[in-house]
Amino acid sequence: MFFPLLTFFMTVSIVNAINITDGLDGLAGGLMSIILLILAIVLFVNGTYLATTLVGILVACLVAFMFFNINPAKIFMGDS
């Protein structure tokens, strides 16, 4: 009973933290790009190539998002 409640609480907390960091243009996308690039490196070193490819696709989507999120921002992460 404890773990589903903890999972729900952590999910809501992470979504809220990302929503707060999107107050500045490019901040949330930049942070997520850095985190996902580190994750891709770790996955590649461990030999998990399918997961590395999927994370690479996510990074590519974030780079495309960042193109439209530079100052002045046309879209925001929570609104797109």
C-alpha atoms as a PDB file:
ATOM      1  CA  MET A   1       0.000   0.000   0.000  1.00  0.00           C
ATOM      2  CA  PHE A   2       2.920   2.318   0.666  1.00  0.00           C
ATOM      3  CA  PHE A   3       4.660   2.122  -2.729  1.00  0.00           C
ATOM      4  CA  PRO A   4       1.705   3.126  -4.957  1.00  0.00           C
ATOM      5  CA  LEU A   5       1.131   6.145  -2.735  1.00  0.00           C
ATOM      6  CA  LEU A   6       4.841   7.011  -2.817  1.00  0.00           C
ATOM      7  CA  THR A   7       4.908   6.611  -6.612  1.00  0.00           C
ATOM      8  CA  PHE A   8       1.925   8.928  -6.995  1.00  0.00           C
ATOM      9  CA  PHE A   9       3.481  11.532  -4.688  1.00  0.00           C
ATOM     10  CA  MET A  10       6.849  11.413  -6.480  1.00  0.00           C
ATOM     11  CA  THR A  11       5.225  11.670  -9.926  1.00  0.00           C
ATOM     12  CA  VAL A  12       3.221  14.729  -8.921  1.00  0.00           C
ATOM     13  CA  SER A  13       6.310  16.279  -7.313  1.00  0.00           C
ATOM     14  CA  ILE A  14       8.505  15.780 -10.395  1.00  0.00           C
ATOM     15  CA  VAL A  15       5.854  17.154 -12.753  1.00  0.00           C
ATOM     16  CA  ASN A  16       5.422  20.179 -10.491  1.00  0.00           C
ATOM     17  CA  ALA A  17       9.202  20.762 -10.291  1.00  0.00           C
ATOM     18  CA  ILE A  18       9.516  20.727 -14.084  1.00  0.00           C
ATOM     19  CA  ASN A  19       6.551  23.098 -14.371  1.00  0.00           C
ATOM     20  CA  ILE A  20       8.227  25.530 -11.952  1.00  0.00           C
ATOM     21  CA  THR A  21      11.549  25.483 -13.841  1.00  0.00           C
ATOM     22  CA  ASP A  22       9.857  26.393 -17.126  1.00  0.00           C
ATOM     23  CA  GLY A  23       9.453  29.987 -15.958  1.00  0.00           C
ATOM     24  CA  LEU A  24      12.564  31.057 -17.895  1.00  0.00           C
ATOM     25  CA  ASP A  25      12.884  30.460 -21.629  1.00  0.00           C
ATOM     26  CA  GLY A  26      14.786  27.242 -22.264  1.00  0.00           C
ATOM     27  CA  LEU A  27      15.504  26.334 -18.643  1.00  0.00           C
ATOM     28  CA  ALA A  28      13.354  23.193 -18.405  1.00  0.00           C
ATOM     29  CA  GLY A  29      14.364  21.979 -21.858  1.00  0.00           C
ATOM     30  CA  GLY A  30      18.032  22.602 -21.145  1.00  0.00           C
ATOM     31  CA  LEU A  31      17.922  20.785 -17.823  1.00  0.00           C
ATOM     32  CA  MET A  32      16.107  17.815 -19.319  1.00  0.00           C
ATOM     33  CA  SER A  33      18.567  17.695 -22.235  1.00  0.00           C
ATOM     34  CA  ILE A  34      21.520  17.524 -19.841  1.00  0.00           C
ATOM     35  CA  ILE A  35      19.863  14.846 -17.712  1.00  0.00           C
ATOM     36  CA  LEU A  36      18.895  12.763 -20.742  1.00  0.00           C
ATOM     37  CA  LEU A  37      22.363  13.057 -22.300  1.00  0.00           C
ATOM     38  CA  ILE A  38      23.914  11.739 -19.077  1.00  0.00           C
ATOM     39  CA  LEU A  39      21.347   8.929 -19.046  1.00  0.00           C
ATOM     40  CA  ALA A  40      22.183   8.100 -22.676  1.00  0.00           C
ATOM     41  CA  ILE A  41      25.893   7.880 -21.846  1.00  0.00           C
ATOM     42  CA  VAL A  42      25.219   5.579 -18.886  1.00  0.00           C
ATOM     43  CA  LEU A  43      22.935   3.373 -20.975  1.00  0.00           C
ATOM     44  CA  PHE A  44      25.471   3.216 -23.809  1.00  0.00           C
ATOM     45  CA  VAL A  45      28.280   2.210 -21.445  1.00  0.00           C
ATOM     46  CA  ASN A  46      26.064  -0.530 -19.991  1.00  0.00           C
ATOM     47  CA  GLY A  47      25.293  -1.860 -23.471  1.00  0.00           C
ATOM     48  CA  THR A  48      21.584  -1.041 -23.505  1.00  0.00           C
ATOM     49  CA  TYR A  49      21.497   0.201 -27.081  1.00  0.00           C
ATOM     50  CA  LEU A  50      17.710   0.192 -27.597  1.00  0.00           C
ATOM     51  CA  ALA A  51      17.179   2.391 -24.540  1.00  0.00           C
ATOM     52  CA  THR A  52      20.058   4.610 -25.696  1.00  0.00           C
ATOM     53  CA  THR A  53      18.310   5.067 -29.035  1.00  0.00           C
ATOM     54  CA  LEU A  54      15.013   5.962 -27.360  1.00  0.00           C
ATOM     55  CA  VAL A  55      16.702   8.495 -25.080  1.00  0.00           C
ATOM     56  CA  GLY A  56      18.488   9.927 -28.131  1.00  0.00           C
ATOM     57  CA  ILE A  57      15.121  10.414 -29.823  1.00  0.00           C
ATOM     58  CA  LEU A  58      13.875  12.248 -26.720  1.00  0.00           C
ATOM     59  CA  VAL A  59      16.938  14.513 -26.793  1.00  0.00           C
ATOM     60  CA  ALA A  60      16.314  15.244 -30.489  1.00  0.00           C
ATOM     61  CA  CYS A  61      12.714  16.193 -29.683  1.00  0.00           C
ATOM     62  CA  LEU A  62      13.923  18.489 -26.904  1.00  0.00           C
ATOM     63  CA  VAL A  63      16.411  20.172 -29.245  1.00  0.00           C
ATOM     64  CA  ALA A  64      13.584  20.820 -31.725  1.00  0.00           C
ATOM     65  CA  PHE A  65      11.471  22.152 -28.848  1.00  0.00           C
ATOM     66  CA  MET A  66      14.323  24.418 -27.728  1.00  0.00           C
ATOM     67  CA  PHE A  67      14.428  25.994 -31.195  1.00  0.00           C
ATOM     68  CA  PHE A  68      10.910  27.364 -30.626  1.00  0.00           C
ATOM     69  CA  ASN A  69      11.517  28.109 -26.938  1.00  0.00           C
ATOM     70  CA  ILE A  70      14.356  30.632 -27.334  1.00  0.00           C
ATOM     71  CA  ASN A  71      13.702  34.249 -26.449  1.00  0.00           C
ATOM     72  CA  PRO A  72      10.970  35.322 -27.226  1.00  0.00           C
ATOM     73  CA  ALA A  73       9.379  31.960 -26.555  1.00  0.00           C
ATOM     74  CA  LYS A  74       6.593  30.875 -28.880  1.00  0.00           C
ATOM     75  CA  ILE A  75       5.719  27.709 -26.934  1.00  0.00           C
ATOM     76  CA  PHE A  76       6.204  26.506 -23.370  1.00  0.00           C
ATOM     77  CA  MET A  77       6.686  22.935 -22.172  1.00  0.00           C
ATOM     78  CA  GLY A  78       3.439  22.787 -20.223  1.00  0.00           C
ATOM     79  CA  ASP A  79       1.409  24.434 -22.990  1.00  0.00           C
ATOM     80  CA  SER A  80       2.571  22.477 -26.027  1.00  0.00           C
END
